[in-house]
Structures are given as C-alpha cells and as structure tokens.
Amino acid sequence: MRFSLAALSLLAVCQLTSCSSQSKQDDSSKTGKLTTEASAKPAETAPDSSGKPAAEPVASTRGVSTGDSTLDSLTFAPPAGPLIPKYRIFAYYGNPHSKKMGILGKYPKEEMLERLDNEIKNWQKADPATPIQSALHLVSISAQGAPGKDGGYRLRMSDKTIKKVIKWGNDHKSIVFLDIQRGHAPLGPEMEYLKKYLKLPFVHLGIDPEFSMVTGAKPGTKIGSYDAADVNQAVQFLSKIVKENNLPPKVLVVHRFTQGMIKNYKNIKLDPNVQIVMDMDGWGPPVLKKDSYHDYIQKEPVQYTGFKLFYDNDFRKPGSRIMTPEEVLALTPKPMYIQYQ
C-alpha cells in the first residue's frame, strides 16, 4: 500500500493509542487496573511441530538471501543463538513519521539513538550481570480510523520506510522489531508483507492485539484481541523462516494490557525457533502497573516477560511517574524485554 503521511498523522491525532490505553476500555470484569500478561518461566526445550530446531544458524547477514539487494548488503551480525535469557532486549518504539507514536519518531535519528544508548546505561547499571541488546521497534503496519481501499483499517509502511529503520538498526548494531496493528486485515497477509525483512537475522516481529478488531469495530473504539491460534500462526510463520534460512531463533513480542486481549493462552504452543515475549503494555502510575504485572504473570504464563514504559503517558495522572529500572527489575519474573514509547 502506498504510504500516506496524512493517514499516519490522523492515526496519532485520533489517539489510536499504540497499546497505551488504560483499563477503562477493558472488556474484562476487573476495573481500576492495568491488566497484563507476562510469563513466569522461560521454556528450555519446547518442541515445534517437527520437533527440530533450525540447523546451524548463520552468524551474520552474509549468506542470507532476501531477494532484495539493499537488504542483502547489510552486515550486522546479532549475537549467536537465542537472545533470551542471555541478553535483555531494550527497545525504543514508534514510527519515524510520527512524533506522537513513540520515542522512535519523536527526535531526529542521531538524538534518538543517543538517548537510547544513555538509557541503556541506566539499565545496565541496575543489572550488570545481564548484557543488553539494543533494539528499534517500528510500527510497520499501523491501525487506521478509516477503512482504506481494501477495507483493512490499516496502513502498511512503505518499503523505503521499513528499510530506513532496518538500516538504522544495522548501523547502530541494534536488532529491529516490525510491529503489526492489523485492524480488519487478516494477520497472514500482513506477516507475508514483512517476510523478506524477517529473513534478516536481526529482524524480529511484534503483533498487537489491541488493534486486532475481531468484532468488526473500528480501531481505537474498542480493544481488540488475539486467540492462541493467532499467536500460534505467527510462531509457525517465524519458525518456518528460521528453518528455511538457518537463522537464530526469532523473538515474537505480543502486546497485552487487558485480560481479554489474549484468549485461550494455555493453547499457545512453544517452538525452539521462536521466543515468545508477552509484553505488559499499559500506562499509569507505578502501583497500577506493578499490580497488573503481578496478577497476570502468575495466572497466565506463556514464556518470557516484557514491560513497557511511557515517557509521556506514565506521567498523565496527577502524582504519577515513570518507574525506575530498579523497580521494574524487582518484579518477578524479571522482564527480559524492555520497551519505551
């Protein structure tokens, strides 16, 4: 789809919230909490449908063919093997075409990357024993308030935009996440649109249930959801890419901040080629965020844990503030994926 800056600007203005809503929109029975899910224990050797992990993974982008000469010329070699739990991933989230969607687009590239590096120092100091892998988390397919020509209520970023952020990651030695807000569009074709980029060993995937509008509602008017079958579809899609291209395991980030955003979590199937991160993704004061994290990491574990912080929205309530690295790392289990919006 052709990139439309006006449409993306409308997205930001209309507050299609990029996983930043509070629980007043929650369809669960609880009120007054940011509900969330994060995992209690990492799975060590969960088999996929074939029972086999990918063969010897590539050590760099060399030898990987995406079918795109620009992508094939990139040289960043991420750490060999599974990233988690050896590394904690630290990501800046957003879109370079919008200052309102997150820190990734709020500042010019060089200033943004400098801020990323400085923030990482704070987290490394809080946990010197766990090295940090920096990341850029791009909203590559954004939910829209208008249906568009095909009725999908989503906007695919252009090849030029996606390559630009991937090149930022390559040059900065940061891994890259491509996030999908599918609107009314089926998940499969949206993942297929990103397939060539996901063949790079340092590019990973995020899926956002908030904008998965299974009820047919317009994005931003209600909170959407994914079933375990949808998460499994994403896992299988990534696992196939890993096996066909001899890549290190992919990381799949699944956003969540309400009970109803993930259905039938017990049916999510683990795969040795994909590391699943359930990312606690709501804004509010620390007590609310900690309470929500506590509730759902205990009740609905999947595999690994993520935690999202908001430079702006975490200050919106009077007397609220952003949590410190020490506070976040005091949670049980310790989040292995940290995201700032």
Protein backbone atom coordinates (compact mmCIF):
# COMPACT_ATOMS: atom_id res chain seq x y z
CA MET A 1 0.00 0.00 0.00
CA ARG A 2 1.22 3.46 -0.81
CA PHE A 3 2.45 5.33 2.25
CA SER A 4 0.21 8.19 3.37
CA LEU A 5 1.69 10.64 5.84
CA ALA A 6 -1.71 12.27 6.27
CA ALA A 7 -3.24 8.96 7.29
CA LEU A 8 -0.47 8.29 9.78
CA SER A 9 -0.85 11.78 11.22
CA LEU A 10 -4.57 11.15 11.59
CA LEU A 11 -3.73 8.00 13.48
CA ALA A 12 -1.68 9.93 16.00
CA VAL A 13 -4.17 12.78 16.36
CA CYS A 14 -7.13 10.44 16.82
CA GLN A 15 -5.23 8.58 19.57
CA LEU A 16 -5.30 5.09 18.15
CA THR A 17 -3.25 4.52 21.19
CA SER A 18 -0.45 2.16 20.14
CA CYS A 19 -1.06 -0.04 23.16
CA SER A 20 -1.18 2.85 25.60
CA SER A 21 -4.79 2.68 26.77
CA GLN A 22 -5.85 2.32 30.35
CA SER A 23 -8.30 -0.22 31.68
CA LYS A 24 -11.40 1.97 31.36
CA GLN A 25 -11.76 0.40 27.90
CA ASP A 26 -11.16 -3.11 29.21
CA ASP A 27 -13.83 -5.69 28.46
CA SER A 28 -12.78 -7.80 31.43
CA SER A 29 -14.66 -7.98 34.69
CA LYS A 30 -11.97 -6.12 36.62
CA THR A 31 -11.88 -2.35 36.79
CA GLY A 32 -9.30 0.11 38.01
CA LYS A 33 -6.31 -1.97 36.93
CA LEU A 34 -3.98 -2.14 34.03
CA THR A 35 -4.37 -5.79 33.20
CA THR A 36 -1.48 -7.62 31.65
CA GLU A 37 0.22 -10.88 30.94
CA ALA A 38 3.87 -11.81 31.30
CA SER A 39 5.45 -15.18 31.66
CA ALA A 40 6.62 -16.87 34.80
CA LYS A 41 9.29 -19.19 33.41
CA PRO A 42 11.23 -19.46 30.15
CA ALA A 43 10.77 -22.73 28.32
CA GLU A 44 14.02 -24.56 27.76
CA THR A 45 13.32 -27.17 25.09
CA ALA A 46 9.72 -26.91 23.92
CA PRO A 47 9.40 -28.71 20.56
CA ASP A 48 7.72 -27.34 17.46
CA SER A 49 5.53 -29.46 15.21
CA SER A 50 8.61 -31.01 13.62
CA GLY A 51 10.42 -31.47 16.92
CA LYS A 52 13.60 -29.98 15.46
CA PRO A 53 15.26 -26.60 15.86
CA ALA A 54 16.86 -24.88 12.91
CA ALA A 55 20.23 -26.22 11.79
CA GLU A 56 23.45 -24.31 12.45
CA PRO A 57 22.30 -20.66 12.43
CA VAL A 58 24.04 -18.09 10.31
CA ALA A 59 26.42 -15.76 12.15
CA SER A 60 25.69 -12.68 10.05
CA THR A 61 23.56 -11.41 7.20
CA ARG A 62 26.09 -12.73 4.71
CA GLY A 63 24.76 -15.85 3.06
CA VAL A 64 21.15 -14.83 3.72
CA SER A 65 19.20 -14.04 0.57
CA THR A 66 16.14 -11.85 0.98
CA GLY A 67 15.79 -11.24 -2.73
CA ASP A 68 16.48 -7.55 -2.12
CA SER A 69 19.99 -6.28 -2.87
CA THR A 70 19.73 -3.42 -0.35
CA LEU A 71 18.82 -5.78 2.49
CA ASP A 72 21.37 -8.37 1.38
CA SER A 73 24.13 -5.75 1.61
CA LEU A 74 23.60 -5.24 5.36
CA THR A 75 26.28 -6.68 7.61
CA PHE A 76 25.12 -6.57 11.25
CA ALA A 77 25.66 -9.90 12.97
CA PRO A 78 23.49 -10.25 16.10
CA PRO A 79 24.67 -12.44 18.98
CA ALA A 80 24.70 -16.10 18.01
CA GLY A 81 21.97 -18.37 19.31
CA PRO A 82 18.83 -17.43 21.26
CA LEU A 83 18.90 -13.86 22.58
CA ILE A 84 16.86 -14.51 25.73
CA PRO A 85 17.72 -15.08 28.57
CA LYS A 86 21.41 -14.46 27.86
CA TYR A 87 20.57 -10.89 26.85
CA ARG A 88 17.94 -8.41 27.97
CA ILE A 89 16.43 -6.62 24.97
CA PHE A 90 15.94 -2.86 25.31
CA ALA A 91 13.81 -1.21 22.63
CA TYR A 92 12.69 2.23 21.54
CA TYR A 93 9.20 2.08 19.98
CA GLY A 94 7.42 4.21 17.41
CA ASN A 95 7.46 5.34 13.80
CA PRO A 96 9.81 7.88 12.17
CA HIS A 97 6.85 9.62 10.50
CA SER A 98 5.07 10.47 13.77
CA LYS A 99 6.28 12.28 16.88
CA LYS A 100 3.22 11.09 18.81
CA MET A 101 3.52 7.34 18.28
CA GLY A 102 6.65 6.96 20.37
CA ILE A 103 10.24 7.89 21.09
CA LEU A 104 11.47 6.33 17.82
CA GLY A 105 9.96 9.21 15.85
CA LYS A 106 9.95 11.97 18.44
CA TYR A 107 13.54 13.09 17.84
CA PRO A 108 15.93 13.18 14.88
CA LYS A 109 17.69 9.85 14.35
CA GLU A 110 21.04 10.75 15.93
CA GLU A 111 19.45 12.29 19.03
CA MET A 112 17.09 9.34 19.38
CA LEU A 113 19.95 6.84 19.20
CA GLU A 114 21.99 8.85 21.70
CA ARG A 115 19.05 8.81 24.10
CA LEU A 116 18.71 5.07 23.56
CA ASP A 117 22.36 4.48 24.43
CA ASN A 118 22.16 6.68 27.53
CA GLU A 119 19.00 4.94 28.77
CA ILE A 120 20.63 1.56 28.30
CA LYS A 121 23.46 2.63 30.61
CA ASN A 122 20.92 3.12 33.41
CA TRP A 123 19.52 -0.36 32.91
CA GLN A 124 22.94 -1.95 32.63
CA LYS A 125 23.89 -0.34 35.92
CA ALA A 126 20.73 -1.74 37.53
CA ASP A 127 21.62 -5.28 36.39
CA PRO A 128 25.32 -5.56 35.47
CA ALA A 129 25.09 -9.34 35.20
CA THR A 130 22.80 -9.33 32.16
CA PRO A 131 24.13 -7.75 28.95
CA ILE A 132 21.69 -5.63 26.97
CA GLN A 133 20.89 -5.89 23.29
CA SER A 134 19.56 -2.59 21.94
CA ALA A 135 16.54 -2.63 19.63
CA LEU A 136 14.36 -0.41 17.46
CA HIS A 137 10.67 -1.37 17.47
CA LEU A 138 8.94 0.01 14.37
CA VAL A 139 5.18 0.19 13.93
CA SER A 140 5.42 -1.11 10.37
CA ILE A 141 1.70 -1.69 9.86
CA SER A 142 -0.45 0.82 11.73
CA ALA A 143 -4.17 0.65 12.53
CA GLN A 144 -6.29 3.36 10.94
CA GLY A 145 -9.58 5.07 11.69
CA ALA A 146 -10.61 4.84 8.01
CA PRO A 147 -11.08 1.58 6.07
CA GLY A 148 -8.85 2.37 3.10
CA LYS A 149 -9.42 0.99 -0.39
CA ASP A 150 -9.48 -2.65 0.71
CA GLY A 151 -11.40 -2.15 3.97
CA GLY A 152 -8.44 -3.27 6.08
CA TYR A 153 -8.35 -0.32 8.51
CA ARG A 154 -4.58 -0.47 8.46
CA LEU A 155 -1.69 1.27 6.73
CA ARG A 156 1.40 -0.61 5.59
CA MET A 157 4.58 1.42 5.81
CA SER A 158 6.45 1.71 2.54
CA ASP A 159 9.46 -0.42 1.67
CA LYS A 160 11.52 2.77 1.90
CA THR A 161 10.41 3.48 5.48
CA ILE A 162 10.95 -0.07 6.71
CA LYS A 163 14.38 -0.28 5.07
CA LYS A 164 15.35 3.05 6.60
CA VAL A 165 14.74 1.83 10.15
CA ILE A 166 16.36 -1.53 9.44
CA LYS A 167 19.44 0.33 8.19
CA TRP A 168 19.44 2.41 11.39
CA GLY A 169 19.49 -0.88 13.29
CA ASN A 170 22.23 -2.33 11.11
CA ASP A 171 24.47 0.73 11.51
CA HIS A 172 23.81 1.03 15.26
CA LYS A 173 24.14 -2.74 15.89
CA SER A 174 20.57 -2.83 17.15
CA ILE A 175 18.07 -5.55 16.37
CA VAL A 176 14.80 -4.41 14.79
CA PHE A 177 11.19 -5.38 15.52
CA LEU A 178 8.46 -4.91 12.91
CA ASP A 179 5.11 -4.45 14.64
CA ILE A 180 1.71 -5.28 13.15
CA GLN A 181 -1.52 -3.48 14.06
CA ARG A 182 -3.76 -5.42 11.69
CA GLY A 183 -7.09 -3.59 12.05
CA HIS A 184 -9.55 -5.65 9.98
CA ALA A 185 -6.90 -7.21 7.71
CA PRO A 186 -6.10 -10.93 8.19
CA LEU A 187 -2.84 -11.50 10.05
CA GLY A 188 -1.35 -13.89 7.49
CA PRO A 189 -1.02 -11.47 4.55
CA GLU A 190 0.34 -8.74 6.85
CA MET A 191 3.11 -11.06 8.04
CA GLU A 192 3.75 -12.09 4.44
CA TYR A 193 4.24 -8.40 3.56
CA LEU A 194 7.11 -8.32 6.08
CA LYS A 195 8.59 -11.70 5.17
CA LYS A 196 11.63 -10.54 3.19
CA TYR A 197 12.74 -8.28 6.07
CA LEU A 198 12.26 -11.10 8.60
CA LYS A 199 14.79 -13.19 6.67
CA LEU A 200 17.48 -10.94 8.14
CA PRO A 201 18.87 -12.48 11.35
CA PHE A 202 18.49 -9.24 13.32
CA VAL A 203 14.85 -8.52 12.39
CA HIS A 204 12.03 -9.80 14.61
CA LEU A 205 8.23 -9.47 14.87
CA GLY A 206 5.64 -7.86 17.12
CA ILE A 207 1.85 -8.32 17.00
CA ASP A 208 -0.60 -6.04 18.76
CA PRO A 209 -3.96 -7.48 19.89
CA GLU A 210 -5.26 -4.00 20.76
CA PHE A 211 -5.83 -3.35 17.07
CA SER A 212 -6.93 -6.84 16.05
CA MET A 213 -10.59 -5.97 15.57
CA VAL A 214 -12.23 -9.40 15.53
CA THR A 215 -15.64 -7.89 16.38
CA GLY A 216 -15.60 -5.62 13.34
CA ALA A 217 -15.32 -2.45 15.41
CA LYS A 218 -13.29 0.49 14.17
CA PRO A 219 -9.72 0.54 15.57
CA GLY A 220 -9.45 2.87 18.54
CA THR A 221 -13.10 2.50 19.59
CA LYS A 222 -12.69 -0.84 21.37
CA ILE A 223 -9.79 -3.00 22.45
CA GLY A 224 -9.17 -5.92 20.12
CA SER A 225 -7.87 -9.40 20.81
CA TYR A 226 -5.94 -12.39 19.54
CA ASP A 227 -6.70 -16.02 20.20
CA ALA A 228 -3.95 -18.53 20.92
CA ALA A 229 -4.48 -19.75 17.36
CA ASP A 230 -3.39 -16.35 16.04
CA VAL A 231 -0.26 -16.35 18.19
CA ASN A 232 0.48 -19.89 17.03
CA GLN A 233 0.07 -18.75 13.43
CA ALA A 234 2.73 -16.08 13.99
CA VAL A 235 5.02 -18.57 15.73
CA GLN A 236 4.71 -21.06 12.88
CA PHE A 237 5.32 -18.33 10.30
CA LEU A 238 8.52 -17.24 12.04
CA SER A 239 9.69 -20.79 12.70
CA LYS A 240 9.43 -21.62 9.01
CA ILE A 241 11.55 -18.58 8.12
CA VAL A 242 14.14 -19.59 10.70
CA LYS A 243 14.37 -23.17 9.44
CA GLU A 244 14.41 -22.29 5.74
CA ASN A 245 17.17 -19.71 6.18
CA ASN A 246 19.21 -21.27 9.02
CA LEU A 247 18.64 -18.26 11.26
CA PRO A 248 18.98 -17.80 15.01
CA PRO A 249 15.63 -18.04 16.85
CA LYS A 250 13.24 -15.17 16.23
CA VAL A 251 11.65 -13.13 19.02
CA LEU A 252 7.89 -12.60 18.87
CA VAL A 253 6.58 -9.74 21.04
CA VAL A 254 2.87 -9.94 21.86
CA HIS A 255 1.49 -6.77 23.48
CA ARG A 256 -1.03 -7.06 26.29
CA PHE A 257 -2.62 -4.81 28.89
CA THR A 258 -6.08 -6.33 29.48
CA GLN A 259 -7.42 -9.73 30.41
CA GLY A 260 -9.40 -10.06 27.21
CA MET A 261 -6.64 -9.23 24.73
CA ILE A 262 -5.32 -12.82 24.65
CA LYS A 263 -7.80 -15.70 24.51
CA ASN A 264 -7.01 -19.31 25.45
CA TYR A 265 -3.39 -18.60 26.39
CA LYS A 266 -2.89 -22.20 27.54
CA ASN A 267 -3.17 -23.27 23.90
CA ILE A 268 -0.18 -21.19 22.80
CA LYS A 269 2.44 -23.65 21.57
CA LEU A 270 6.12 -23.05 22.18
CA ASP A 271 8.70 -23.61 19.46
CA PRO A 272 12.51 -23.84 19.77
CA ASN A 273 12.89 -21.46 16.82
CA VAL A 274 10.76 -18.66 18.33
CA GLN A 275 10.99 -16.90 21.69
CA ILE A 276 7.61 -15.51 22.80
CA VAL A 277 7.56 -12.33 24.90
CA MET A 278 4.28 -11.24 26.49
CA ASP A 279 4.79 -7.50 26.83
CA MET A 280 2.92 -5.74 29.66
CA ASP A 281 1.80 -2.71 27.76
CA GLY A 282 -0.31 -0.25 29.72
CA TRP A 283 0.37 3.21 31.09
CA GLY A 284 -0.33 4.55 34.53
CA PRO A 285 1.21 5.07 37.98
CA PRO A 286 3.72 2.51 39.30
CA VAL A 287 1.34 0.88 41.76
CA LEU A 288 -1.14 0.17 38.97
CA LYS A 289 1.49 -1.23 36.63
CA LYS A 290 3.07 -3.41 39.30
CA ASP A 291 -0.32 -4.69 40.43
CA SER A 292 -1.29 -5.64 36.91
CA TYR A 293 2.04 -7.28 36.17
CA HIS A 294 1.78 -9.30 39.37
CA ASP A 295 -1.73 -10.50 38.57
CA TYR A 296 -1.05 -11.87 35.14
CA ILE A 297 2.47 -13.20 35.28
CA GLN A 298 1.23 -15.54 37.97
CA LYS A 299 -2.06 -16.52 36.35
CA GLU A 300 -1.28 -16.71 32.64
CA PRO A 301 2.37 -17.52 31.93
CA VAL A 302 3.50 -18.16 28.37
CA GLN A 303 7.30 -18.00 28.01
CA TYR A 304 9.18 -14.71 28.53
CA THR A 305 8.26 -11.38 30.06
CA GLY A 306 8.25 -7.84 28.71
CA PHE A 307 7.48 -4.48 30.28
CA LYS A 308 6.65 -1.18 28.63
CA LEU A 309 7.31 2.33 29.95
CA PHE A 310 5.97 5.61 28.61
CA TYR A 311 7.99 8.82 28.63
CA ASP A 312 4.77 10.86 28.45
CA ASN A 313 1.71 8.80 29.41
CA ASP A 314 3.16 7.39 32.63
CA PHE A 315 3.05 10.99 33.92
CA ARG A 316 -0.54 11.72 32.84
CA LYS A 317 -2.22 11.05 36.18
CA PRO A 318 -1.52 13.61 38.93
CA GLY A 319 1.35 12.44 41.11
CA SER A 320 2.31 9.65 38.72
CA ARG A 321 5.84 8.99 37.46
CA ILE A 322 7.80 6.60 35.31
CA MET A 323 9.18 3.51 37.04
CA THR A 324 12.93 3.20 37.57
CA PRO A 325 14.98 0.31 36.17
CA GLU A 326 15.45 -0.97 39.71
CA GLU A 327 11.69 -1.05 40.29
CA VAL A 328 10.99 -2.90 37.06
CA LEU A 329 13.77 -5.42 37.66
CA ALA A 330 12.41 -6.11 41.14
CA LEU A 331 9.35 -7.69 39.52
CA THR A 332 9.01 -11.46 39.43
CA PRO A 333 9.98 -12.72 36.95
CA LYS A 334 12.41 -10.07 35.80
CA PRO A 335 11.33 -8.76 32.38
CA MET A 336 13.75 -9.72 29.62
CA TYR A 337 12.32 -7.26 27.11
CA ILE A 338 12.06 -3.56 28.00
CA GLN A 339 10.27 -1.12 25.71
CA TYR A 340 9.99 2.67 25.90
CA GLN A 341 7.35 4.55 23.94
